[in-house]
């Protein structure tokens, strides 16, 4: 899929210089920049929390009961 973006001359010059220095295309440079951003933004989603309790040695229900017993 193709997209059209507008950048100013300074950004285009900097992007071209970086792509040339990395020996990659302008498109590849943008893909490399967008990839980590998508990972970062998706890390905040609730689905990424699945399985976080597996590192604990106490059962989740036992932990909850212990907290409630303090009330």
PDB file of N, CA and C in Angstrom:
ATOM      1  N   UNK A   1       0.844  -1.164   0.000  1.00  0.00           N
ATOM      2  CA  UNK A   1       0.000   0.000   0.000  1.00  0.00           C
ATOM      3  C   UNK A   1       0.892   1.231   0.000  1.00  0.00           C
ATOM      4  N   UNK A   2       0.471   2.223  -0.705  1.00  0.00           N
ATOM      5  CA  UNK A   2       1.241   3.453  -0.771  1.00  0.00           C
ATOM      6  C   UNK A   2       0.526   4.540   0.010  1.00  0.00           C
ATOM      7  N   UNK A   3       1.331   5.438   0.587  1.00  0.00           N
ATOM      8  CA  UNK A   3       0.781   6.597   1.274  1.00  0.00           C
ATOM      9  C   UNK A   3       1.500   7.834   0.766  1.00  0.00           C
ATOM     10  N   UNK A   4       0.870   8.972   0.973  1.00  0.00           N
ATOM     11  CA  UNK A   4       1.459  10.235   0.573  1.00  0.00           C
ATOM     12  C   UNK A   4       1.596  11.095   1.817  1.00  0.00           C
ATOM     13  N   UNK A   5       2.818  11.545   2.098  1.00  0.00           N
ATOM     14  CA  UNK A   5       3.031  12.437   3.230  1.00  0.00           C
ATOM     15  C   UNK A   5       3.726  13.692   2.739  1.00  0.00           C
ATOM     16  N   UNK A   6       3.540  14.756   3.474  1.00  0.00           N
ATOM     17  CA  UNK A   6       4.177  16.015   3.114  1.00  0.00           C
ATOM     18  C   UNK A   6       5.211  16.363   4.180  1.00  0.00           C
ATOM     19  N   UNK A   7       6.442  16.601   3.751  1.00  0.00           N
ATOM     20  CA  UNK A   7       7.508  17.017   4.667  1.00  0.00           C
ATOM     21  C   UNK A   7       8.180  18.249   4.074  1.00  0.00           C
ATOM     22  N   UNK A   8       8.763  19.061   4.947  1.00  0.00           N
ATOM     23  CA  UNK A   8       9.440  20.252   4.434  1.00  0.00           C
ATOM     24  C   UNK A   8      10.808  19.871   3.870  1.00  0.00           C
ATOM     25  N   UNK A   9      11.450  20.821   3.232  1.00  0.00           N
ATOM     26  CA  UNK A   9      12.723  20.561   2.550  1.00  0.00           C
ATOM     27  C   UNK A   9      13.813  20.106   3.513  1.00  0.00           C
ATOM     28  N   UNK A  10      13.871  20.705   4.705  1.00  0.00           N
ATOM     29  CA  UNK A  10      14.900  20.313   5.676  1.00  0.00           C
ATOM     30  C   UNK A  10      14.721  18.864   6.108  1.00  0.00           C
ATOM     31  N   UNK A  11      13.486  18.457   6.351  1.00  0.00           N
ATOM     32  CA  UNK A  11      13.221  17.070   6.746  1.00  0.00           C
ATOM     33  C   UNK A  11      13.572  16.109   5.612  1.00  0.00           C
ATOM     34  N   UNK A  12      13.240  16.498   4.382  1.00  0.00           N
ATOM     35  CA  UNK A  12      13.538  15.637   3.231  1.00  0.00           C
ATOM     36  C   UNK A  12      15.050  15.493   3.062  1.00  0.00           C
ATOM     37  N   UNK A  13      15.794  16.580   3.228  1.00  0.00           N
ATOM     38  CA  UNK A  13      17.246  16.529   3.106  1.00  0.00           C
ATOM     39  C   UNK A  13      17.848  15.644   4.187  1.00  0.00           C
ATOM     40  N   UNK A  14      17.359  15.818   5.416  1.00  0.00           N
ATOM     41  CA  UNK A  14      17.866  15.002   6.528  1.00  0.00           C
ATOM     42  C   UNK A  14      17.518  13.528   6.324  1.00  0.00           C
ATOM     43  N   UNK A  15      16.304  13.265   5.854  1.00  0.00           N
ATOM     44  CA  UNK A  15      15.896  11.881   5.623  1.00  0.00           C
ATOM     45  C   UNK A  15      16.734  11.244   4.528  1.00  0.00           C
ATOM     46  N   UNK A  16      16.958  11.966   3.442  1.00  0.00           N
ATOM     47  CA  UNK A  16      17.776  11.437   2.348  1.00  0.00           C
ATOM     48  C   UNK A  16      19.209  11.172   2.796  1.00  0.00           C
ATOM     49  N   UNK A  17      19.762  12.074   3.603  1.00  0.00           N
ATOM     50  CA  UNK A  17      21.137  11.900   4.085  1.00  0.00           C
ATOM     51  C   UNK A  17      21.238  10.684   4.997  1.00  0.00           C
ATOM     52  N   UNK A  18      20.264  10.516   5.877  1.00  0.00           N
ATOM     53  CA  UNK A  18      20.289   9.369   6.779  1.00  0.00           C
ATOM     54  C   UNK A  18      20.111   8.066   6.005  1.00  0.00           C
ATOM     55  N   UNK A  19      19.212   8.055   5.057  1.00  0.00           N
ATOM     56  CA  UNK A  19      19.006   6.849   4.238  1.00  0.00           C
ATOM     57  C   UNK A  19      20.277   6.498   3.464  1.00  0.00           C
ATOM     58  N   UNK A  20      20.934   7.501   2.928  1.00  0.00           N
ATOM     59  CA  UNK A  20      22.183   7.257   2.195  1.00  0.00           C
ATOM     60  C   UNK A  20      23.265   6.738   3.126  1.00  0.00           C
ATOM     61  N   UNK A  21      23.366   7.311   4.315  1.00  0.00           N
ATOM     62  CA  UNK A  21      24.378   6.869   5.274  1.00  0.00           C
ATOM     63  C   UNK A  21      24.125   5.431   5.729  1.00  0.00           C
ATOM     64  N   UNK A  22      22.867   5.065   5.860  1.00  0.00           N
ATOM     65  CA  UNK A  22      22.504   3.707   6.283  1.00  0.00           C
ATOM     66  C   UNK A  22      22.492   2.719   5.115  1.00  0.00           C
ATOM     67  N   UNK A  23      22.618   3.264   3.899  1.00  0.00           N
ATOM     68  CA  UNK A  23      22.573   2.458   2.675  1.00  0.00           C
ATOM     69  C   UNK A  23      21.247   1.698   2.547  1.00  0.00           C
ATOM     70  N   UNK A  24      20.171   2.438   2.816  1.00  0.00           N
ATOM     71  CA  UNK A  24      18.824   1.892   2.670  1.00  0.00           C
ATOM     72  C   UNK A  24      17.973   2.912   1.921  1.00  0.00           C
ATOM     73  N   UNK A  25      16.829   2.470   1.445  1.00  0.00           N
ATOM     74  CA  UNK A  25      15.941   3.381   0.729  1.00  0.00           C
ATOM     75  C   UNK A  25      15.215   4.300   1.704  1.00  0.00           C
ATOM     76  N   UNK A  26      14.653   5.366   1.167  1.00  0.00           N
ATOM     77  CA  UNK A  26      13.855   6.266   1.996  1.00  0.00           C
ATOM     78  C   UNK A  26      12.670   5.516   2.601  1.00  0.00           C
ATOM     79  N   UNK A  27      12.065   4.645   1.813  1.00  0.00           N
ATOM     80  CA  UNK A  27      10.922   3.864   2.304  1.00  0.00           C
ATOM     81  C   UNK A  27      11.330   2.973   3.476  1.00  0.00           C
ATOM     82  N   UNK A  28      12.466   2.303   3.337  1.00  0.00           N
ATOM     83  CA  UNK A  28      12.940   1.443   4.431  1.00  0.00           C
ATOM     84  C   UNK A  28      13.236   2.244   5.693  1.00  0.00           C
ATOM     85  N   UNK A  29      13.766   3.435   5.506  1.00  0.00           N
ATOM     86  CA  UNK A  29      14.043   4.295   6.651  1.00  0.00           C
ATOM     87  C   UNK A  29      12.752   4.625   7.400  1.00  0.00           C
ATOM     88  N   UNK A  30      11.699   4.948   6.668  1.00  0.00           N
ATOM     89  CA  UNK A  30      10.420   5.250   7.303  1.00  0.00           C
ATOM     90  C   UNK A  30       9.829   4.016   7.978  1.00  0.00           C
ATOM     91  N   UNK A  31       9.961   2.859   7.335  1.00  0.00           N
ATOM     92  CA  UNK A  31       9.462   1.625   7.942  1.00  0.00           C
ATOM     93  C   UNK A  31      10.183   1.344   9.262  1.00  0.00           C
ATOM     94  N   UNK A  32      11.489   1.553   9.283  1.00  0.00           N
ATOM     95  CA  UNK A  32      12.257   1.325  10.508  1.00  0.00           C
ATOM     96  C   UNK A  32      11.859   2.300  11.608  1.00  0.00           C
ATOM     97  N   UNK A  33      11.460   3.493  11.232  1.00  0.00           N
ATOM     98  CA  UNK A  33      11.046   4.487  12.226  1.00  0.00           C
ATOM     99  C   UNK A  33       9.642   4.192  12.758  1.00  0.00           C
ATOM    100  N   UNK A  34       8.768   3.721  11.903  1.00  0.00           N
ATOM    101  CA  UNK A  34       7.385   3.484  12.300  1.00  0.00           C
ATOM    102  C   UNK A  34       7.244   2.201  13.117  1.00  0.00           C
ATOM    103  N   UNK A  35       8.022   1.184  12.824  1.00  0.00           N
ATOM    104  CA  UNK A  35       7.917  -0.101  13.520  1.00  0.00           C
ATOM    105  C   UNK A  35       7.982   0.018  15.038  1.00  0.00           C
ATOM    106  N   UNK A  36       9.041   0.612  15.598  1.00  0.00           N
ATOM    107  CA  UNK A  36       9.123   0.754  17.062  1.00  0.00           C
ATOM    108  C   UNK A  36       7.990   1.610  17.648  1.00  0.00           C
ATOM    109  N   UNK A  37       7.537   2.604  16.896  1.00  0.00           N
ATOM    110  CA  UNK A  37       6.433   3.433  17.374  1.00  0.00           C
ATOM    111  C   UNK A  37       5.167   2.595  17.539  1.00  0.00           C
ATOM    112  N   UNK A  38       4.896   1.735  16.578  1.00  0.00           N
ATOM    113  CA  UNK A  38       3.714   0.872  16.667  1.00  0.00           C
ATOM    114  C   UNK A  38       3.821  -0.098  17.834  1.00  0.00           C
ATOM    115  N   UNK A  39       5.003  -0.639  18.049  1.00  0.00           N
ATOM    116  CA  UNK A  39       5.211  -1.553  19.179  1.00  0.00           C
ATOM    117  C   UNK A  39       4.970  -0.811  20.492  1.00  0.00           C
ATOM    118  N   UNK A  40       5.519   0.384  20.605  1.00  0.00           N
ATOM    119  CA  UNK A  40       5.365   1.183  21.818  1.00  0.00           C
ATOM    120  C   UNK A  40       3.900   1.517  22.072  1.00  0.00           C
ATOM    121  N   UNK A  41       3.190   1.942  21.059  1.00  0.00           N
ATOM    122  CA  UNK A  41       1.789   2.321  21.220  1.00  0.00           C
ATOM    123  C   UNK A  41       0.920   1.106  21.543  1.00  0.00           C
ATOM    124  N   UNK A  42       1.239  -0.047  20.974  1.00  0.00           N
ATOM    125  CA  UNK A  42       0.461  -1.260  21.242  1.00  0.00           C
ATOM    126  C   UNK A  42       0.774  -1.859  22.603  1.00  0.00           C
ATOM    127  N   UNK A  43       1.914  -1.503  23.195  1.00  0.00           N
ATOM    128  CA  UNK A  43       2.289  -2.039  24.504  1.00  0.00           C
ATOM    129  C   UNK A  43       1.366  -1.532  25.598  1.00  0.00           C
ATOM    130  N   UNK A  44       0.697  -0.424  25.353  1.00  0.00           N
ATOM    131  CA  UNK A  44      -0.199   0.146  26.348  1.00  0.00           C
ATOM    132  C   UNK A  44      -1.583  -0.503  26.347  1.00  0.00           C
ATOM    133  N   UNK A  45      -1.825  -1.420  25.448  1.00  0.00           N
ATOM    134  CA  UNK A  45      -3.135  -2.052  25.355  1.00  0.00           C
ATOM    135  C   UNK A  45      -3.281  -3.130  26.430  1.00  0.00           C
ATOM    136  N   UNK A  46      -4.495  -3.334  26.917  1.00  0.00           N
ATOM    137  CA  UNK A  46      -4.716  -4.319  27.991  1.00  0.00           C
ATOM    138  C   UNK A  46      -4.298  -5.737  27.629  1.00  0.00           C
ATOM    139  N   UNK A  47      -4.351  -6.109  26.351  1.00  0.00           N
ATOM    140  CA  UNK A  47      -3.999  -7.475  25.962  1.00  0.00           C
ATOM    141  C   UNK A  47      -2.553  -7.814  26.314  1.00  0.00           C
ATOM    142  N   UNK A  48      -1.710  -6.799  26.412  1.00  0.00           N
ATOM    143  CA  UNK A  48      -0.298  -7.053  26.701  1.00  0.00           C
ATOM    144  C   UNK A  48      -0.085  -7.424  28.161  1.00  0.00           C
ATOM    145  N   UNK A  49      -1.112  -7.267  28.986  1.00  0.00           N
ATOM    146  CA  UNK A  49      -0.987  -7.612  30.399  1.00  0.00           C
ATOM    147  C   UNK A  49      -1.233  -9.096  30.653  1.00  0.00           C
ATOM    148  N   UNK A  50      -1.732  -9.809  29.658  1.00  0.00           N
ATOM    149  CA  UNK A  50      -2.034 -11.219  29.821  1.00  0.00           C
ATOM    150  C   UNK A  50      -0.772 -11.989  30.210  1.00  0.00           C
ATOM    151  N   UNK A  51      -0.858 -12.756  31.282  1.00  0.00           N
ATOM    152  CA  UNK A  51       0.257 -13.586  31.710  1.00  0.00           C
ATOM    153  C   UNK A  51       1.249 -12.902  32.631  1.00  0.00           C
ATOM    154  N   UNK A  52       0.993 -11.665  33.034  1.00  0.00           N
ATOM    155  CA  UNK A  52       1.937 -10.961  33.897  1.00  0.00           C
ATOM    156  C   UNK A  52       2.055 -11.593  35.278  1.00  0.00           C
ATOM    157  N   UNK A  53       1.036 -12.297  35.728  1.00  0.00           N
ATOM    158  CA  UNK A  53       1.050 -12.869  37.069  1.00  0.00           C
ATOM    159  C   UNK A  53       1.900 -14.137  37.138  1.00  0.00           C
ATOM    160  N   UNK A  54       2.307 -14.698  36.029  1.00  0.00           N
ATOM    161  CA  UNK A  54       3.028 -15.972  36.025  1.00  0.00           C
ATOM    162  C   UNK A  54       4.363 -15.913  36.757  1.00  0.00           C
ATOM    163  N   UNK A  55       4.926 -14.733  36.927  1.00  0.00           N
ATOM    164  CA  UNK A  55       6.219 -14.625  37.618  1.00  0.00           C
ATOM    165  C   UNK A  55       6.078 -14.690  39.142  1.00  0.00           C
ATOM    166  N   UNK A  56       4.856 -14.596  39.644  1.00  0.00           N
ATOM    167  CA  UNK A  56       4.632 -14.637  41.090  1.00  0.00           C
ATOM    168  C   UNK A  56       4.500 -16.080  41.574  1.00  0.00           C
ATOM    169  N   UNK A  57       4.966 -16.327  42.787  1.00  0.00           N
ATOM    170  CA  UNK A  57       4.905 -17.677  43.343  1.00  0.00           C
ATOM    171  C   UNK A  57       3.594 -17.947  44.055  1.00  0.00           C
ATOM    172  N   UNK A  58       2.917 -16.902  44.503  1.00  0.00           N
ATOM    173  CA  UNK A  58       1.650 -17.071  45.208  1.00  0.00           C
ATOM    174  C   UNK A  58       0.504 -17.100  44.192  1.00  0.00           C
ATOM    175  N   UNK A  59      -0.499 -17.912  44.485  1.00  0.00           N
ATOM    176  CA  UNK A  59      -1.678 -17.980  43.633  1.00  0.00           C
ATOM    177  C   UNK A  59      -2.417 -16.648  43.703  1.00  0.00           C
ATOM    178  N   UNK A  60      -2.986 -16.215  42.603  1.00  0.00           N
ATOM    179  CA  UNK A  60      -3.685 -14.942  42.546  1.00  0.00           C
ATOM    180  C   UNK A  60      -4.826 -14.840  43.536  1.00  0.00           C
ATOM    181  N   UNK A  61      -5.583 -15.919  43.680  1.00  0.00           N
ATOM    182  CA  UNK A  61      -6.697 -15.901  44.626  1.00  0.00           C
ATOM    183  C   UNK A  61      -6.202 -15.829  46.071  1.00  0.00           C
ATOM    184  N   UNK A  62      -5.118 -16.531  46.358  1.00  0.00           N
ATOM    185  CA  UNK A  62      -4.532 -16.458  47.699  1.00  0.00           C
ATOM    186  C   UNK A  62      -4.064 -15.033  48.001  1.00  0.00           C
ATOM    187  N   UNK A  63      -3.467 -14.403  47.040  1.00  0.00           N
ATOM    188  CA  UNK A  63      -3.000 -13.034  47.200  1.00  0.00           C
ATOM    189  C   UNK A  63      -4.176 -12.099  47.465  1.00  0.00           C
ATOM    190  N   UNK A  64      -5.232 -12.272  46.691  1.00  0.00           N
ATOM    191  CA  UNK A  64      -6.424 -11.448  46.864  1.00  0.00           C
ATOM    192  C   UNK A  64      -7.043 -11.654  48.248  1.00  0.00           C
ATOM    193  N   UNK A  65      -7.139 -12.912  48.671  1.00  0.00           N
ATOM    194  CA  UNK A  65      -7.679 -13.209  50.002  1.00  0.00           C
ATOM    195  C   UNK A  65      -6.823 -12.579  51.101  1.00  0.00           C
ATOM    196  N   UNK A  66      -5.517 -12.633  50.938  1.00  0.00           N
ATOM    197  CA  UNK A  66      -4.623 -12.048  51.939  1.00  0.00           C
ATOM    198  C   UNK A  66      -4.816 -10.528  52.023  1.00  0.00           C
ATOM    199  N   UNK A  67      -4.968  -9.900  50.875  1.00  0.00           N
ATOM    200  CA  UNK A  67      -5.217  -8.458  50.899  1.00  0.00           C
ATOM    201  C   UNK A  67      -6.546  -8.128  51.550  1.00  0.00           C
ATOM    202  N   UNK A  68      -7.564  -8.897  51.250  1.00  0.00           N
ATOM    203  CA  UNK A  68      -8.890  -8.638  51.818  1.00  0.00           C
ATOM    204  C   UNK A  68      -8.941  -8.922  53.316  1.00  0.00           C
ATOM    205  N   UNK A  69      -8.118  -9.833  53.774  1.00  0.00           N
ATOM    206  CA  UNK A  69      -8.122 -10.138  55.202  1.00  0.00           C
ATOM    207  C   UNK A  69      -7.571  -8.980  56.021  1.00  0.00           C
ATOM    208  N   UNK A  70      -6.836  -8.086  55.388  1.00  0.00           N
ATOM    209  CA  UNK A  70      -6.291  -6.930  56.075  1.00  0.00           C
ATOM    210  C   UNK A  70      -7.360  -5.877  56.367  1.00  0.00           C
ATOM    211  N   UNK A  71      -8.507  -5.990  55.701  1.00  0.00           N
ATOM    212  CA  UNK A  71      -9.581  -5.017  55.921  1.00  0.00           C
ATOM    213  C   UNK A  71     -10.215  -5.323  57.222  1.00  0.00           C
TER     214      UNK A  71
END
